[in-house]
């Protein structure tokens, strides 16, 4: 998930902003079929770091590798 970065310092994280609140984010729409959770702006913005919303590095990057192999 963290692409070989130091523990607790994942790459590709985005900064959170004060206006990221339940009033400005459609949290339930974001969750979709994922397990219900309380609002968390970090999960919303940095969804790639959570298995509830991402399949990890292979899921994120393997499509590019497979596309190259099929040509």
PDB file of N, CA and C in Angstrom:
ATOM      1  N   UNK A   1       0.813  -1.196   0.000  1.00  0.00           N
ATOM      2  CA  UNK A   1       0.000   0.000   0.000  1.00  0.00           C
ATOM      3  C   UNK A   1       0.859   1.263   0.000  1.00  0.00           C
ATOM      4  N   UNK A   2       1.999   1.233   0.661  1.00  0.00           N
ATOM      5  CA  UNK A   2       2.776   2.454   0.823  1.00  0.00           C
ATOM      6  C   UNK A   2       3.960   2.558  -0.122  1.00  0.00           C
ATOM      7  N   UNK A   3       4.081   1.646  -1.044  1.00  0.00           N
ATOM      8  CA  UNK A   3       5.105   1.696  -2.088  1.00  0.00           C
ATOM      9  C   UNK A   3       6.508   1.890  -1.523  1.00  0.00           C
ATOM     10  N   UNK A   4       6.859   1.068  -0.545  1.00  0.00           N
ATOM     11  CA  UNK A   4       8.197   1.030   0.040  1.00  0.00           C
ATOM     12  C   UNK A   4       8.657   2.347   0.652  1.00  0.00           C
ATOM     13  N   UNK A   5       7.787   3.071   1.276  1.00  0.00           N
ATOM     14  CA  UNK A   5       8.161   4.287   1.978  1.00  0.00           C
ATOM     15  C   UNK A   5       8.243   3.990   3.468  1.00  0.00           C
ATOM     16  N   UNK A   6       8.884   4.849   4.230  1.00  0.00           N
ATOM     17  CA  UNK A   6       8.988   4.600   5.675  1.00  0.00           C
ATOM     18  C   UNK A   6       7.617   4.443   6.328  1.00  0.00           C
ATOM     19  N   UNK A   7       7.556   3.627   7.364  1.00  0.00           N
ATOM     20  CA  UNK A   7       6.302   3.384   8.073  1.00  0.00           C
ATOM     21  C   UNK A   7       5.716   4.706   8.555  1.00  0.00           C
ATOM     22  N   UNK A   8       4.438   4.901   8.270  1.00  0.00           N
ATOM     23  CA  UNK A   8       3.753   6.104   8.701  1.00  0.00           C
ATOM     24  C   UNK A   8       3.926   7.303   7.788  1.00  0.00           C
ATOM     25  N   UNK A   9       4.678   7.137   6.684  1.00  0.00           N
ATOM     26  CA  UNK A   9       4.895   8.244   5.749  1.00  0.00           C
ATOM     27  C   UNK A   9       4.612   7.783   4.321  1.00  0.00           C
ATOM     28  N   UNK A  10       3.357   7.471   4.025  1.00  0.00           N
ATOM     29  CA  UNK A  10       3.034   6.977   2.685  1.00  0.00           C
ATOM     30  C   UNK A  10       3.188   8.045   1.612  1.00  0.00           C
ATOM     31  N   UNK A  11       3.545   7.593   0.427  1.00  0.00           N
ATOM     32  CA  UNK A  11       3.634   8.521  -0.701  1.00  0.00           C
ATOM     33  C   UNK A  11       2.245   8.862  -1.200  1.00  0.00           C
ATOM     34  N   UNK A  12       2.167   9.896  -1.954  1.00  0.00           N
ATOM     35  CA  UNK A  12       0.946  10.319  -2.629  1.00  0.00           C
ATOM     36  C   UNK A  12      -0.178  10.669  -1.663  1.00  0.00           C
ATOM     37  N   UNK A  13       0.173  11.157  -0.503  1.00  0.00           N
ATOM     38  CA  UNK A  13      -0.888  11.652   0.368  1.00  0.00           C
ATOM     39  C   UNK A  13      -1.148  13.111   0.027  1.00  0.00           C
ATOM     40  N   UNK A  14      -2.368  13.497   0.177  1.00  0.00           N
ATOM     41  CA  UNK A  14      -2.767  14.869  -0.120  1.00  0.00           C
ATOM     42  C   UNK A  14      -3.078  15.579   1.190  1.00  0.00           C
ATOM     43  N   UNK A  15      -2.791  16.865   1.269  1.00  0.00           N
ATOM     44  CA  UNK A  15      -3.064  17.597   2.520  1.00  0.00           C
ATOM     45  C   UNK A  15      -4.562  17.788   2.728  1.00  0.00           C
ATOM     46  N   UNK A  16      -4.967  17.765   3.974  1.00  0.00           N
ATOM     47  CA  UNK A  16      -6.360  17.997   4.330  1.00  0.00           C
ATOM     48  C   UNK A  16      -6.573  19.493   4.556  1.00  0.00           C
ATOM     49  N   UNK A  17      -7.746  19.962   4.190  1.00  0.00           N
ATOM     50  CA  UNK A  17      -8.070  21.383   4.318  1.00  0.00           C
ATOM     51  C   UNK A  17      -9.219  21.563   5.306  1.00  0.00           C
ATOM     52  N   UNK A  18      -9.278  22.718   5.970  1.00  0.00           N
ATOM     53  CA  UNK A  18     -10.307  22.959   6.989  1.00  0.00           C
ATOM     54  C   UNK A  18     -11.735  22.854   6.468  1.00  0.00           C
ATOM     55  N   UNK A  19     -11.943  23.142   5.183  1.00  0.00           N
ATOM     56  CA  UNK A  19     -13.313  23.091   4.664  1.00  0.00           C
ATOM     57  C   UNK A  19     -13.757  21.677   4.284  1.00  0.00           C
ATOM     58  N   UNK A  20     -12.951  20.688   4.557  1.00  0.00           N
ATOM     59  CA  UNK A  20     -13.333  19.292   4.297  1.00  0.00           C
ATOM     60  C   UNK A  20     -14.108  18.780   5.512  1.00  0.00           C
ATOM     61  N   UNK A  21     -15.407  18.969   5.480  1.00  0.00           N
ATOM     62  CA  UNK A  21     -16.282  18.623   6.595  1.00  0.00           C
ATOM     63  C   UNK A  21     -17.450  17.787   6.091  1.00  0.00           C
ATOM     64  N   UNK A  22     -18.207  17.187   6.977  1.00  0.00           N
ATOM     65  CA  UNK A  22     -19.395  16.440   6.542  1.00  0.00           C
ATOM     66  C   UNK A  22     -20.400  17.310   5.797  1.00  0.00           C
ATOM     67  N   UNK A  23     -20.346  18.613   6.000  1.00  0.00           N
ATOM     68  CA  UNK A  23     -21.259  19.516   5.292  1.00  0.00           C
ATOM     69  C   UNK A  23     -20.857  19.729   3.839  1.00  0.00           C
ATOM     70  N   UNK A  24     -19.592  19.526   3.511  1.00  0.00           N
ATOM     71  CA  UNK A  24     -19.110  19.792   2.157  1.00  0.00           C
ATOM     72  C   UNK A  24     -18.760  18.534   1.367  1.00  0.00           C
ATOM     73  N   UNK A  25     -18.786  17.380   2.020  1.00  0.00           N
ATOM     74  CA  UNK A  25     -18.430  16.113   1.363  1.00  0.00           C
ATOM     75  C   UNK A  25     -19.595  15.139   1.482  1.00  0.00           C
ATOM     76  N   UNK A  26     -19.961  14.526   0.372  1.00  0.00           N
ATOM     77  CA  UNK A  26     -21.042  13.525   0.361  1.00  0.00           C
ATOM     78  C   UNK A  26     -20.466  12.187   0.848  1.00  0.00           C
ATOM     79  N   UNK A  27     -20.303  12.091   2.163  1.00  0.00           N
ATOM     80  CA  UNK A  27     -19.623  10.942   2.765  1.00  0.00           C
ATOM     81  C   UNK A  27     -20.313   9.613   2.456  1.00  0.00           C
ATOM     82  N   UNK A  28     -21.606   9.532   2.603  1.00  0.00           N
ATOM     83  CA  UNK A  28     -22.300   8.265   2.339  1.00  0.00           C
ATOM     84  C   UNK A  28     -22.201   7.864   0.874  1.00  0.00           C
ATOM     85  N   UNK A  29     -22.213   8.814  -0.025  1.00  0.00           N
ATOM     86  CA  UNK A  29     -22.032   8.509  -1.447  1.00  0.00           C
ATOM     87  C   UNK A  29     -20.624   7.977  -1.688  1.00  0.00           C
ATOM     88  N   UNK A  30     -19.645   8.550  -1.018  1.00  0.00           N
ATOM     89  CA  UNK A  30     -18.269   8.078  -1.139  1.00  0.00           C
ATOM     90  C   UNK A  30     -18.145   6.648  -0.634  1.00  0.00           C
ATOM     91  N   UNK A  31     -18.748   6.347   0.509  1.00  0.00           N
ATOM     92  CA  UNK A  31     -18.631   5.001   1.081  1.00  0.00           C
ATOM     93  C   UNK A  31     -19.220   3.942   0.161  1.00  0.00           C
ATOM     94  N   UNK A  32     -20.307   4.257  -0.510  1.00  0.00           N
ATOM     95  CA  UNK A  32     -20.921   3.270  -1.397  1.00  0.00           C
ATOM     96  C   UNK A  32     -21.183   1.977  -0.661  1.00  0.00           C
ATOM     97  N   UNK A  33     -20.595   0.871  -1.150  1.00  0.00           N
ATOM     98  CA  UNK A  33     -20.802  -0.437  -0.524  1.00  0.00           C
ATOM     99  C   UNK A  33     -19.709  -0.784   0.492  1.00  0.00           C
ATOM    100  N   UNK A  34     -18.793   0.148   0.750  1.00  0.00           N
ATOM    101  CA  UNK A  34     -17.758  -0.077   1.773  1.00  0.00           C
ATOM    102  C   UNK A  34     -18.415  -0.091   3.148  1.00  0.00           C
ATOM    103  N   UNK A  35     -17.747  -0.665   4.141  1.00  0.00           N
ATOM    104  CA  UNK A  35     -18.317  -0.684   5.486  1.00  0.00           C
ATOM    105  C   UNK A  35     -18.610   0.724   6.002  1.00  0.00           C
ATOM    106  N   UNK A  36     -19.740   0.901   6.692  1.00  0.00           N
ATOM    107  CA  UNK A  36     -20.063   2.227   7.248  1.00  0.00           C
ATOM    108  C   UNK A  36     -19.005   2.660   8.256  1.00  0.00           C
ATOM    109  N   UNK A  37     -18.659   3.919   8.209  1.00  0.00           N
ATOM    110  CA  UNK A  37     -17.679   4.499   9.131  1.00  0.00           C
ATOM    111  C   UNK A  37     -18.062   5.938   9.422  1.00  0.00           C
ATOM    112  N   UNK A  38     -17.602   6.466  10.554  1.00  0.00           N
ATOM    113  CA  UNK A  38     -17.800   7.896  10.804  1.00  0.00           C
ATOM    114  C   UNK A  38     -16.998   8.712   9.778  1.00  0.00           C
ATOM    115  N   UNK A  39     -17.396   9.931   9.552  1.00  0.00           N
ATOM    116  CA  UNK A  39     -16.711  10.803   8.597  1.00  0.00           C
ATOM    117  C   UNK A  39     -15.229  10.906   8.919  1.00  0.00           C
ATOM    118  N   UNK A  40     -14.411  10.814   7.873  1.00  0.00           N
ATOM    119  CA  UNK A  40     -12.964  10.922   8.011  1.00  0.00           C
ATOM    120  C   UNK A  40     -12.421  11.545   6.723  1.00  0.00           C
ATOM    121  N   UNK A  41     -12.031  12.803   6.782  1.00  0.00           N
ATOM    122  CA  UNK A  41     -11.545  13.505   5.599  1.00  0.00           C
ATOM    123  C   UNK A  41     -10.304  12.833   5.020  1.00  0.00           C
ATOM    124  N   UNK A  42      -9.462  12.249   5.868  1.00  0.00           N
ATOM    125  CA  UNK A  42      -8.266  11.563   5.377  1.00  0.00           C
ATOM    126  C   UNK A  42      -8.643  10.353   4.518  1.00  0.00           C
ATOM    127  N   UNK A  43      -9.599   9.573   4.961  1.00  0.00           N
ATOM    128  CA  UNK A  43     -10.051   8.428   4.154  1.00  0.00           C
ATOM    129  C   UNK A  43     -10.638   8.897   2.835  1.00  0.00           C
ATOM    130  N   UNK A  44     -11.346  10.010   2.865  1.00  0.00           N
ATOM    131  CA  UNK A  44     -11.954  10.529   1.647  1.00  0.00           C
ATOM    132  C   UNK A  44     -10.891  10.985   0.646  1.00  0.00           C
ATOM    133  N   UNK A  45      -9.948  11.757   1.105  1.00  0.00           N
ATOM    134  CA  UNK A  45      -8.967  12.332   0.196  1.00  0.00           C
ATOM    135  C   UNK A  45      -7.856  11.359  -0.177  1.00  0.00           C
ATOM    136  N   UNK A  46      -7.436  10.539   0.761  1.00  0.00           N
ATOM    137  CA  UNK A  46      -6.325   9.605   0.531  1.00  0.00           C
ATOM    138  C   UNK A  46      -6.828   8.168   0.474  1.00  0.00           C
ATOM    139  N   UNK A  47      -7.901   7.954  -0.249  1.00  0.00           N
ATOM    140  CA  UNK A  47      -8.571   6.660  -0.297  1.00  0.00           C
ATOM    141  C   UNK A  47      -7.658   5.532  -0.761  1.00  0.00           C
ATOM    142  N   UNK A  48      -6.651   5.810  -1.538  1.00  0.00           N
ATOM    143  CA  UNK A  48      -5.764   4.744  -2.032  1.00  0.00           C
ATOM    144  C   UNK A  48      -5.029   4.020  -0.919  1.00  0.00           C
ATOM    145  N   UNK A  49      -4.935   4.628   0.240  1.00  0.00           N
ATOM    146  CA  UNK A  49      -4.194   4.044   1.355  1.00  0.00           C
ATOM    147  C   UNK A  49      -5.035   3.101   2.207  1.00  0.00           C
ATOM    148  N   UNK A  50      -6.295   2.899   1.866  1.00  0.00           N
ATOM    149  CA  UNK A  50      -7.200   2.098   2.679  1.00  0.00           C
ATOM    150  C   UNK A  50      -7.788   0.966   1.853  1.00  0.00           C
ATOM    151  N   UNK A  51      -7.643  -0.254   2.342  1.00  0.00           N
ATOM    152  CA  UNK A  51      -8.137  -1.417   1.609  1.00  0.00           C
ATOM    153  C   UNK A  51      -9.647  -1.413   1.420  1.00  0.00           C
ATOM    154  N   UNK A  52     -10.381  -0.629   2.207  1.00  0.00           N
ATOM    155  CA  UNK A  52     -11.834  -0.547   2.014  1.00  0.00           C
ATOM    156  C   UNK A  52     -12.179   0.021   0.639  1.00  0.00           C
ATOM    157  N   UNK A  53     -11.266   0.830   0.074  1.00  0.00           N
ATOM    158  CA  UNK A  53     -11.564   1.542  -1.170  1.00  0.00           C
ATOM    159  C   UNK A  53     -10.582   1.246  -2.291  1.00  0.00           C
ATOM    160  N   UNK A  54      -9.509   0.540  -2.006  1.00  0.00           N
ATOM    161  CA  UNK A  54      -8.465   0.297  -2.991  1.00  0.00           C
ATOM    162  C   UNK A  54      -7.945  -1.124  -2.851  1.00  0.00           C
ATOM    163  N   UNK A  55      -7.456  -1.664  -3.920  1.00  0.00           N
ATOM    164  CA  UNK A  55      -6.875  -3.006  -3.896  1.00  0.00           C
ATOM    165  C   UNK A  55      -5.384  -3.004  -3.672  1.00  0.00           C
ATOM    166  N   UNK A  56      -4.824  -1.867  -3.297  1.00  0.00           N
ATOM    167  CA  UNK A  56      -3.394  -1.781  -3.065  1.00  0.00           C
ATOM    168  C   UNK A  56      -2.624  -1.477  -4.341  1.00  0.00           C
ATOM    169  N   UNK A  57      -1.321  -1.595  -4.243  1.00  0.00           N
ATOM    170  CA  UNK A  57      -0.440  -1.224  -5.334  1.00  0.00           C
ATOM    171  C   UNK A  57      -0.687  -2.042  -6.598  1.00  0.00           C
ATOM    172  N   UNK A  58      -0.884  -3.340  -6.467  1.00  0.00           N
ATOM    173  CA  UNK A  58      -1.119  -4.172  -7.646  1.00  0.00           C
ATOM    174  C   UNK A  58      -2.396  -3.734  -8.353  1.00  0.00           C
ATOM    175  N   UNK A  59      -3.433  -3.507  -7.615  1.00  0.00           N
ATOM    176  CA  UNK A  59      -4.702  -3.071  -8.192  1.00  0.00           C
ATOM    177  C   UNK A  59      -4.559  -1.714  -8.870  1.00  0.00           C
ATOM    178  N   UNK A  60      -3.815  -0.815  -8.256  1.00  0.00           N
ATOM    179  CA  UNK A  60      -3.648   0.528  -8.793  1.00  0.00           C
ATOM    180  C   UNK A  60      -2.743   0.575 -10.019  1.00  0.00           C
ATOM    181  N   UNK A  61      -1.707  -0.253 -10.052  1.00  0.00           N
ATOM    182  CA  UNK A  61      -0.690  -0.132 -11.096  1.00  0.00           C
ATOM    183  C   UNK A  61      -0.638  -1.278 -12.097  1.00  0.00           C
ATOM    184  N   UNK A  62      -1.187  -2.414 -11.766  1.00  0.00           N
ATOM    185  CA  UNK A  62      -1.037  -3.584 -12.629  1.00  0.00           C
ATOM    186  C   UNK A  62      -1.719  -3.405 -13.988  1.00  0.00           C
ATOM    187  N   UNK A  63      -2.758  -2.611 -14.057  1.00  0.00           N
ATOM    188  CA  UNK A  63      -3.431  -2.447 -15.348  1.00  0.00           C
ATOM    189  C   UNK A  63      -2.489  -1.868 -16.395  1.00  0.00           C
ATOM    190  N   UNK A  64      -1.613  -0.978 -16.005  1.00  0.00           N
ATOM    191  CA  UNK A  64      -0.651  -0.416 -16.948  1.00  0.00           C
ATOM    192  C   UNK A  64       0.342  -1.484 -17.407  1.00  0.00           C
ATOM    193  N   UNK A  65       0.772  -2.327 -16.490  1.00  0.00           N
ATOM    194  CA  UNK A  65       1.708  -3.383 -16.854  1.00  0.00           C
ATOM    195  C   UNK A  65       1.060  -4.401 -17.788  1.00  0.00           C
ATOM    196  N   UNK A  66      -0.170  -4.782 -17.489  1.00  0.00           N
ATOM    197  CA  UNK A  66      -0.853  -5.756 -18.332  1.00  0.00           C
ATOM    198  C   UNK A  66      -1.171  -5.164 -19.710  1.00  0.00           C
ATOM    199  N   UNK A  67      -1.495  -3.913 -19.770  1.00  0.00           N
ATOM    200  CA  UNK A  67      -1.762  -3.260 -21.041  1.00  0.00           C
ATOM    201  C   UNK A  67      -0.531  -3.301 -21.934  1.00  0.00           C
ATOM    202  N   UNK A  68       0.623  -3.076 -21.372  1.00  0.00           N
ATOM    203  CA  UNK A  68       1.872  -3.109 -22.126  1.00  0.00           C
ATOM    204  C   UNK A  68       2.134  -4.504 -22.678  1.00  0.00           C
ATOM    205  N   UNK A  69       1.840  -5.539 -21.885  1.00  0.00           N
ATOM    206  CA  UNK A  69       2.107  -6.923 -22.280  1.00  0.00           C
ATOM    207  C   UNK A  69       1.174  -7.416 -23.378  1.00  0.00           C
ATOM    208  N   UNK A  70       0.015  -6.826 -23.514  1.00  0.00           N
ATOM    209  CA  UNK A  70      -0.968  -7.338 -24.483  1.00  0.00           C
ATOM    210  C   UNK A  70      -0.818  -6.699 -25.847  1.00  0.00           C
ATOM    211  N   UNK A  71       0.089  -5.769 -25.987  1.00  0.00           N
ATOM    212  CA  UNK A  71       0.244  -5.103 -27.291  1.00  0.00           C
ATOM    213  C   UNK A  71       1.297  -5.745 -28.132  1.00  0.00           C
TER     214      UNK A  71
END
